[in-house]
N, C-alpha and C. Protein backbone atom coordinates (compact mmCIF):
# COMPACT_ATOMS: atom_id res chain seq x y z
N MET A 1 -11.47 12.92 5.61
CA MET A 1 -12.60 14.04 4.90
C MET A 1 -13.96 13.70 5.19
N ILE A 2 -14.90 14.72 5.53
CA ILE A 2 -16.47 14.17 5.62
C ILE A 2 -17.09 15.63 5.26
N PHE A 3 -18.06 15.08 4.13
CA PHE A 3 -18.49 15.32 3.28
C PHE A 3 -19.93 14.91 3.24
N PRO A 4 -21.04 15.31 2.81
CA PRO A 4 -22.48 15.19 3.08
C PRO A 4 -22.39 13.63 2.45
N LYS A 5 -23.14 12.58 2.64
CA LYS A 5 -22.97 11.15 1.81
C LYS A 5 -23.75 11.44 0.68
N GLY A 6 -25.02 12.17 0.55
CA GLY A 6 -26.31 12.14 -0.35
C GLY A 6 -26.82 11.04 -0.71
N GLU A 7 -27.34 10.78 -2.22
CA GLU A 7 -28.41 9.22 -2.19
C GLU A 7 -26.79 8.53 -2.85
N VAL A 8 -26.55 6.97 -2.29
CA VAL A 8 -25.77 6.02 -2.66
C VAL A 8 -26.11 6.00 -3.93
N VAL A 9 -25.40 5.73 -5.16
CA VAL A 9 -25.64 5.38 -6.34
C VAL A 9 -24.50 3.85 -6.55
N HIS A 10 -23.54 3.83 -6.45
CA HIS A 10 -22.96 2.77 -5.99
C HIS A 10 -21.79 3.09 -4.75
N LYS A 11 -21.68 1.69 -4.00
CA LYS A 11 -20.72 1.47 -2.95
C LYS A 11 -19.93 0.23 -2.79
N HIS A 12 -18.79 0.40 -2.71
CA HIS A 12 -17.57 -0.35 -2.42
C HIS A 12 -17.29 -1.13 -3.59
N LEU A 13 -17.41 -0.24 -4.95
CA LEU A 13 -16.53 -1.17 -6.08
C LEU A 13 -15.47 -1.54 -6.00
N SER A 14 -14.49 -2.13 -6.08
CA SER A 14 -13.36 -2.79 -5.82
C SER A 14 -12.76 -2.20 -7.56
N THR A 15 -11.65 -1.60 -6.80
CA THR A 15 -10.53 -0.88 -8.42
C THR A 15 -9.81 -1.70 -8.62
N SER A 16 -9.81 -3.24 -8.23
CA SER A 16 -9.25 -4.21 -8.98
C SER A 16 -10.12 -4.81 -10.14
N TYR A 17 -11.18 -4.81 -10.17
CA TYR A 17 -12.15 -4.49 -11.08
C TYR A 17 -13.35 -3.69 -11.58
N THR A 18 -13.06 -2.52 -11.75
CA THR A 18 -14.15 -1.64 -11.64
C THR A 18 -12.72 -0.38 -12.50
N ASN A 19 -13.19 0.15 -13.71
CA ASN A 19 -12.05 0.80 -14.63
C ASN A 19 -13.16 2.25 -14.48
N LEU A 20 -12.61 3.00 -13.78
CA LEU A 20 -12.76 4.49 -13.29
C LEU A 20 -13.20 5.39 -14.53
N ASN A 21 -12.32 5.25 -15.27
CA ASN A 21 -12.36 6.04 -16.81
C ASN A 21 -13.74 5.32 -17.32
N GLY A 22 -13.91 4.30 -17.02
CA GLY A 22 -15.69 3.79 -17.86
C GLY A 22 -16.61 4.70 -17.35
N LEU A 23 -16.65 4.43 -15.94
CA LEU A 23 -17.60 5.14 -14.79
C LEU A 23 -17.87 6.67 -14.78
N LEU A 24 -16.71 6.86 -15.00
CA LEU A 24 -16.70 8.54 -15.46
C LEU A 24 -17.48 8.87 -16.31
N LEU A 25 -17.32 8.20 -17.78
CA LEU A 25 -17.84 8.32 -19.31
C LEU A 25 -18.80 8.24 -18.65
N SER A 26 -19.72 6.99 -17.94
CA SER A 26 -20.98 6.96 -18.01
C SER A 26 -21.71 7.54 -16.91
N LEU A 27 -21.24 8.26 -16.00
CA LEU A 27 -21.74 9.11 -15.09
C LEU A 27 -22.08 10.89 -16.24
N LYS A 28 -21.38 11.02 -17.05
CA LYS A 28 -21.08 12.07 -17.74
C LYS A 28 -22.28 11.80 -18.66
N SER A 29 -22.70 10.53 -19.66
CA SER A 29 -23.35 10.57 -20.18
C SER A 29 -25.01 11.19 -19.27
N GLU A 30 -25.16 10.89 -18.20
CA GLU A 30 -26.05 10.54 -17.39
C GLU A 30 -26.34 11.97 -16.61
N ASP A 31 -25.64 12.98 -17.57
CA ASP A 31 -25.58 14.07 -16.42
C ASP A 31 -25.71 14.04 -15.17
N PHE A 32 -24.77 13.83 -14.76
CA PHE A 32 -24.43 13.31 -13.01
C PHE A 32 -24.00 13.99 -12.48
N SER A 33 -24.90 14.55 -11.10
CA SER A 33 -24.16 15.40 -10.39
C SER A 33 -23.68 14.98 -9.07
N GLY A 34 -22.64 14.85 -8.07
CA GLY A 34 -22.27 14.93 -6.92
C GLY A 34 -20.74 14.32 -7.02
N TYR A 35 -20.53 13.06 -6.28
CA TYR A 35 -19.09 13.08 -6.45
C TYR A 35 -18.64 11.23 -6.08
N VAL A 36 -17.70 10.79 -6.38
CA VAL A 36 -16.65 10.03 -6.70
C VAL A 36 -15.48 9.79 -5.92
N LYS A 37 -16.10 9.36 -4.35
CA LYS A 37 -14.86 8.94 -3.68
C LYS A 37 -14.12 7.46 -4.03
N ILE A 38 -13.15 7.55 -4.02
CA ILE A 38 -12.15 6.65 -3.88
C ILE A 38 -11.19 6.20 -2.78
N GLY A 39 -10.97 5.55 -1.97
CA GLY A 39 -9.87 4.60 -0.71
C GLY A 39 -9.54 3.69 -0.70
N PHE A 40 -8.25 4.21 -0.41
CA PHE A 40 -7.17 3.12 -0.04
C PHE A 40 -6.54 2.93 1.42
N LEU A 41 -5.69 2.22 1.38
CA LEU A 41 -5.44 2.64 3.06
C LEU A 41 -4.67 3.86 3.31
N ASP A 42 -4.83 4.39 4.26
CA ASP A 42 -3.95 5.99 4.26
C ASP A 42 -3.84 6.53 3.21
N TYR A 43 -5.15 6.79 2.02
CA TYR A 43 -5.67 7.75 1.03
C TYR A 43 -6.99 7.81 0.83
N GLU A 44 -7.65 8.97 0.55
CA GLU A 44 -8.88 9.32 0.44
C GLU A 44 -9.10 10.57 -0.58
N ALA A 45 -9.99 10.11 -1.95
CA ALA A 45 -10.16 10.93 -3.17
C ALA A 45 -11.44 10.89 -3.06
N LEU A 46 -11.31 12.54 -3.51
CA LEU A 46 -13.06 13.06 -4.27
C LEU A 46 -13.12 13.78 -5.65
N LEU A 47 -13.45 13.14 -5.78
CA LEU A 47 -14.12 14.21 -7.60
C LEU A 47 -15.59 14.36 -7.41
N PHE A 48 -15.88 15.88 -7.80
CA PHE A 48 -16.62 16.71 -7.75
C PHE A 48 -17.17 16.55 -9.29
N MET A 49 -18.47 16.26 -9.32
CA MET A 49 -18.92 16.47 -10.85
C MET A 49 -20.41 17.18 -10.61
N ASP A 50 -20.28 17.85 -12.06
CA ASP A 50 -21.69 18.91 -12.09
C ASP A 50 -22.04 18.26 -13.37
N SER A 51 -23.52 18.42 -13.65
CA SER A 51 -23.85 17.77 -15.16
C SER A 51 -22.82 17.18 -15.72
N GLY A 52 -22.42 15.96 -15.35
CA GLY A 52 -21.14 15.04 -15.77
C GLY A 52 -19.98 15.33 -16.10
N ASP A 53 -19.69 16.83 -15.86
CA ASP A 53 -18.55 17.47 -15.90
C ASP A 53 -17.67 17.31 -14.14
N ILE A 54 -16.43 16.68 -14.61
CA ILE A 54 -15.84 17.03 -13.00
C ILE A 54 -15.31 18.83 -13.03
N ILE A 55 -15.50 19.16 -11.81
CA ILE A 55 -15.33 20.43 -11.47
C ILE A 55 -14.17 20.61 -10.78
N ASN A 56 -13.72 19.54 -9.59
CA ASN A 56 -13.10 20.18 -8.79
C ASN A 56 -13.15 18.75 -8.27
N ALA A 57 -11.56 18.82 -7.45
CA ALA A 57 -11.19 17.62 -6.81
C ALA A 57 -10.25 17.39 -5.60
N ILE A 58 -10.17 16.55 -4.55
CA ILE A 58 -9.36 16.80 -3.49
C ILE A 58 -8.88 15.18 -3.27
N GLU A 59 -7.53 15.22 -2.89
CA GLU A 59 -7.08 13.88 -2.48
C GLU A 59 -5.99 14.22 -0.92
N GLN A 60 -6.01 13.12 -0.26
CA GLN A 60 -5.67 13.34 1.02
C GLN A 60 -4.96 12.27 1.18
N MET A 61 -3.27 12.51 1.40
CA MET A 61 -2.61 11.27 1.56
C MET A 61 -2.06 11.37 3.02
N GLY A 62 -1.98 10.75 4.35
CA GLY A 62 -1.70 11.04 5.16
C GLY A 62 -2.21 12.69 5.74
N ASP A 63 -1.10 13.65 6.13
CA ASP A 63 -1.58 14.52 6.16
C ASP A 63 -1.57 15.74 5.02
N ARG A 64 -1.21 15.25 3.78
CA ARG A 64 -0.90 15.90 2.07
C ARG A 64 -2.29 16.49 2.48
N LYS A 65 -2.54 17.09 1.64
CA LYS A 65 -3.52 17.28 0.24
C LYS A 65 -3.22 18.55 -1.05
N ARG A 66 -3.88 17.81 -1.63
CA ARG A 66 -3.87 18.32 -2.88
C ARG A 66 -5.25 18.59 -3.57
N ILE A 67 -5.48 19.31 -4.24
CA ILE A 67 -6.28 19.91 -4.70
C ILE A 67 -6.54 20.31 -6.55
N GLY A 68 -7.79 20.26 -7.27
CA GLY A 68 -7.63 21.00 -9.05
C GLY A 68 -7.01 19.68 -9.25
N GLN A 69 -6.90 20.13 -10.43
CA GLN A 69 -6.27 19.61 -11.81
C GLN A 69 -5.43 18.32 -11.71
N ARG A 70 -4.31 18.76 -10.71
CA ARG A 70 -3.29 17.58 -10.27
C ARG A 70 -3.83 16.90 -9.65
N ALA A 71 -4.62 17.02 -8.45
CA ALA A 71 -5.47 16.14 -7.92
C ALA A 71 -6.11 14.93 -8.89
N ILE A 72 -6.75 15.88 -9.81
CA ILE A 72 -7.82 15.07 -10.44
C ILE A 72 -6.92 13.68 -11.65
N THR A 73 -5.45 14.35 -11.71
CA THR A 73 -4.96 13.37 -12.69
C THR A 73 -4.10 12.13 -11.64
N ASN A 74 -3.66 12.47 -10.51
CA ASN A 74 -3.31 11.57 -9.77
C ASN A 74 -4.51 10.44 -9.30
N ILE A 75 -5.62 10.99 -8.86
CA ILE A 75 -6.80 10.21 -8.73
C ILE A 75 -7.01 9.00 -9.84
N ILE A 76 -7.05 9.73 -11.10
CA ILE A 76 -7.20 8.75 -12.22
C ILE A 76 -6.33 7.61 -12.05
N SER A 77 -5.06 8.09 -11.88
CA SER A 77 -3.96 7.35 -12.15
C SER A 77 -4.19 6.34 -10.87
N LYS A 78 -4.09 6.90 -9.47
CA LYS A 78 -4.39 5.73 -8.44
C LYS A 78 -5.24 4.97 -8.60
N ALA A 79 -6.93 5.38 -8.92
CA ALA A 79 -7.47 4.04 -9.08
C ALA A 79 -7.61 3.31 -10.13
N LYS A 80 -6.47 3.12 -10.57
CA LYS A 80 -6.13 1.62 -11.31
C LYS A 80 -5.44 0.81 -10.66
N GLU A 81 -5.09 1.35 -8.82
CA GLU A 81 -3.98 0.49 -8.37
C GLU A 81 -4.98 -0.90 -7.80
N GLN A 82 -4.79 -2.00 -7.28
CA GLN A 82 -5.64 -2.55 -6.63
C GLN A 82 -6.21 -2.29 -4.68
N ASP A 83 -6.97 -3.41 -4.50
CA ASP A 83 -7.34 -2.91 -3.17
C ASP A 83 -7.71 -1.57 -2.58
N GLY A 84 -8.46 -0.81 -3.77
CA GLY A 84 -9.35 0.19 -3.18
C GLY A 84 -10.49 0.45 -3.43
N VAL A 85 -11.45 1.20 -3.18
CA VAL A 85 -12.70 0.86 -3.27
C VAL A 85 -13.17 2.62 -3.68
N ILE A 86 -14.43 1.92 -4.60
CA ILE A 86 -14.89 3.40 -5.23
C ILE A 86 -16.52 3.45 -5.01
N SER A 87 -16.92 4.71 -4.64
CA SER A 87 -18.19 4.75 -4.16
C SER A 87 -18.75 5.76 -5.16
N VAL A 88 -19.60 6.06 -5.74
CA VAL A 88 -20.54 7.15 -5.76
C VAL A 88 -21.95 7.37 -4.96
N TYR A 89 -21.96 8.89 -4.82
CA TYR A 89 -22.83 9.58 -4.25
C TYR A 89 -23.63 10.64 -5.43
N HIS A 90 -24.83 10.89 -4.96
CA HIS A 90 -25.67 12.10 -5.65
C HIS A 90 -25.84 13.20 -5.08
N LEU A 91 -25.57 14.50 -5.52
CA LEU A 91 -25.82 15.84 -4.44
C LEU A 91 -26.46 16.44 -5.76
N SER A 92 -27.26 17.43 -5.27
CA SER A 92 -27.52 18.17 -5.95
C SER A 92 -26.94 19.08 -6.34
N PRO A 93 -26.95 19.65 -7.86
CA PRO A 93 -25.73 20.70 -8.72
C PRO A 93 -25.45 21.81 -7.19
N GLU A 94 -25.98 22.06 -6.80
CA GLU A 94 -26.05 23.20 -6.03
C GLU A 94 -25.34 22.81 -4.79
N MET A 95 -25.04 22.07 -4.05
CA MET A 95 -24.69 21.33 -3.27
C MET A 95 -22.62 20.92 -3.86
N VAL A 96 -23.12 20.32 -4.84
CA VAL A 96 -21.80 19.92 -5.48
C VAL A 96 -21.42 20.89 -5.63
N THR A 97 -21.54 22.50 -6.22
CA THR A 97 -20.93 23.48 -6.27
C THR A 97 -20.28 24.51 -5.15
N VAL A 98 -21.12 24.05 -4.14
CA VAL A 98 -20.76 24.61 -2.74
C VAL A 98 -19.73 23.75 -2.22
N LEU A 99 -19.73 22.81 -2.06
CA LEU A 99 -18.52 21.61 -1.63
C LEU A 99 -17.41 21.70 -2.05
N ALA A 100 -17.34 21.81 -3.86
CA ALA A 100 -16.30 21.77 -4.50
C ALA A 100 -15.78 23.55 -4.57
N SER A 101 -16.49 24.29 -4.18
CA SER A 101 -15.74 25.74 -3.61
C SER A 101 -15.04 25.86 -2.45
N THR A 102 -15.80 24.85 -1.58
CA THR A 102 -14.79 24.95 -0.29
C THR A 102 -13.61 24.53 -0.34
N LEU A 103 -12.98 24.01 -1.05
CA LEU A 103 -11.86 23.22 -1.60
C LEU A 103 -10.73 24.35 -1.52
N LYS A 104 -11.38 25.59 -2.09
CA LYS A 104 -10.27 26.76 -2.74
C LYS A 104 -10.73 27.15 -1.42
N ARG A 105 -10.22 27.16 -0.28
CA ARG A 105 -10.35 28.24 0.79
C ARG A 105 -9.50 28.86 1.41
N GLU A 106 -9.13 29.64 1.77
CA GLU A 106 -8.51 30.54 2.34
C GLU A 106 -8.71 30.80 3.98
N ILE A 107 -7.45 30.01 4.78
CA ILE A 107 -8.00 29.99 6.26
C ILE A 107 -7.93 31.32 6.74
N LEU A 108 -8.45 32.29 7.21
CA LEU A 108 -8.44 33.35 8.30
C LEU A 108 -7.69 33.31 9.68
N TYR A 109 -8.27 32.54 10.36
CA TYR A 109 -7.80 32.41 11.80
C TYR A 109 -7.42 30.62 12.10
N LYS A 110 -6.30 30.23 12.24
CA LYS A 110 -6.20 28.68 12.70
C LYS A 110 -5.52 28.50 14.02
N ASP A 111 -6.31 27.25 14.66
CA ASP A 111 -6.20 26.88 15.76
C ASP A 111 -6.12 27.86 16.75
N LEU A 112 -7.87 28.54 16.86
CA LEU A 112 -8.23 29.56 18.19
C LEU A 112 -8.58 28.52 19.36
N SER A 113 -8.35 28.93 20.32
CA SER A 113 -8.70 28.23 21.67
C SER A 113 -9.48 28.84 22.10
N THR A 114 -10.69 28.22 22.53
CA THR A 114 -11.65 28.41 23.24
C THR A 114 -11.64 29.10 24.39
N ASP A 115 -10.18 28.97 25.11
CA ASP A 115 -9.96 29.44 26.51
C ASP A 115 -9.92 31.09 26.24
N PHE A 116 -9.52 31.54 24.65
CA PHE A 116 -9.40 33.22 24.49
C PHE A 116 -9.94 33.91 23.51
N THR A 117 -11.07 33.13 22.76
CA THR A 117 -11.88 33.24 21.65
C THR A 117 -13.44 32.97 21.82
N SER A 118 -14.30 34.03 21.62
CA SER A 118 -15.56 33.95 21.99
C SER A 118 -16.36 33.40 20.68
N LEU A 119 -16.62 32.26 20.48
CA LEU A 119 -17.71 31.42 18.75
C LEU A 119 -18.47 32.77 18.46
N GLN A 120 -19.14 33.34 19.45
CA GLN A 120 -20.33 34.12 19.05
C GLN A 120 -19.63 35.53 18.35
N ARG A 121 -18.56 36.01 19.47
CA ARG A 121 -17.98 37.11 18.84
C ARG A 121 -17.50 36.88 17.51
N LEU A 122 -17.07 36.27 17.26
CA LEU A 122 -16.14 35.50 16.20
C LEU A 122 -17.28 35.53 14.82
N ILE A 123 -18.27 35.06 15.09
CA ILE A 123 -19.18 35.01 14.56
C ILE A 123 -20.00 36.70 14.02
N ASP A 124 -19.75 37.63 15.02
CA ASP A 124 -20.34 38.57 15.14
C ASP A 124 -19.71 39.24 13.86
N ARG A 125 -18.16 39.02 14.29
CA ARG A 125 -17.21 40.16 13.10
C ARG A 125 -17.37 39.54 11.87
N LEU A 126 -17.14 38.07 11.83
CA LEU A 126 -17.20 37.79 10.47
C LEU A 126 -18.55 38.10 9.64
N SER A 127 -19.56 38.35 10.06
CA SER A 127 -20.51 38.31 9.72
C SER A 127 -20.50 39.86 9.35
N GLY A 128 -19.94 40.89 10.39
CA GLY A 128 -19.87 42.26 10.05
C GLY A 128 -19.40 42.53 8.66
N GLN A 129 -18.16 41.66 8.55
CA GLN A 129 -17.04 41.93 7.44
C GLN A 129 -17.56 40.92 6.11
N ARG A 130 -19.19 40.89 6.31
CA ARG A 130 -19.48 40.18 4.58
C ARG A 130 -18.97 38.72 4.53
N HIS A 131 -17.95 37.98 5.52
CA HIS A 131 -17.49 37.24 5.09
C HIS A 131 -18.91 36.18 4.91
N THR A 132 -17.62 35.12 3.48
CA THR A 132 -18.91 33.79 3.49
C THR A 132 -17.61 32.87 3.16
N GLY A 133 -18.35 31.74 3.86
CA GLY A 133 -17.24 31.05 4.20
C GLY A 133 -17.80 29.69 4.81
N TYR A 134 -16.87 29.06 6.01
CA TYR A 134 -17.33 28.24 6.71
C TYR A 134 -16.09 28.22 7.87
N ILE A 135 -16.99 28.08 9.53
CA ILE A 135 -16.33 28.09 10.47
C ILE A 135 -15.73 26.21 10.96
N GLU A 136 -14.66 25.85 10.96
CA GLU A 136 -14.31 24.59 11.19
C GLU A 136 -14.01 24.25 12.50
N ILE A 137 -14.96 23.37 13.71
CA ILE A 137 -14.48 23.58 14.84
C ILE A 137 -14.40 21.76 15.05
């Protein structure tokens, strides 16, 4: 998963000795905005926080992804395991809102070939339809 890093608050805290629930409570008391990243071998997760509240989450296990409340529950449980790392990145509340909302995306076109598709014409078409979103290349 590729997301802007923002300002590093904590980096590479071991899940062996870091209590995620305690960390989240501390961030809540600070009205933190940004995200908490949890990583294990073949597992990556992000908890998006705005003003101290978790507003969305995503976890990726290999090719599978999960978002929303179910992801939040799984992430908090997974962070209790050993051999993982936790990092915390500060972002503006506006940026957090944008990133968290992109998780609820609907794919309009998938796997378009550049042999048959003009990127500029695609952008023009989406602009004409007043589409809001992004293009993943």
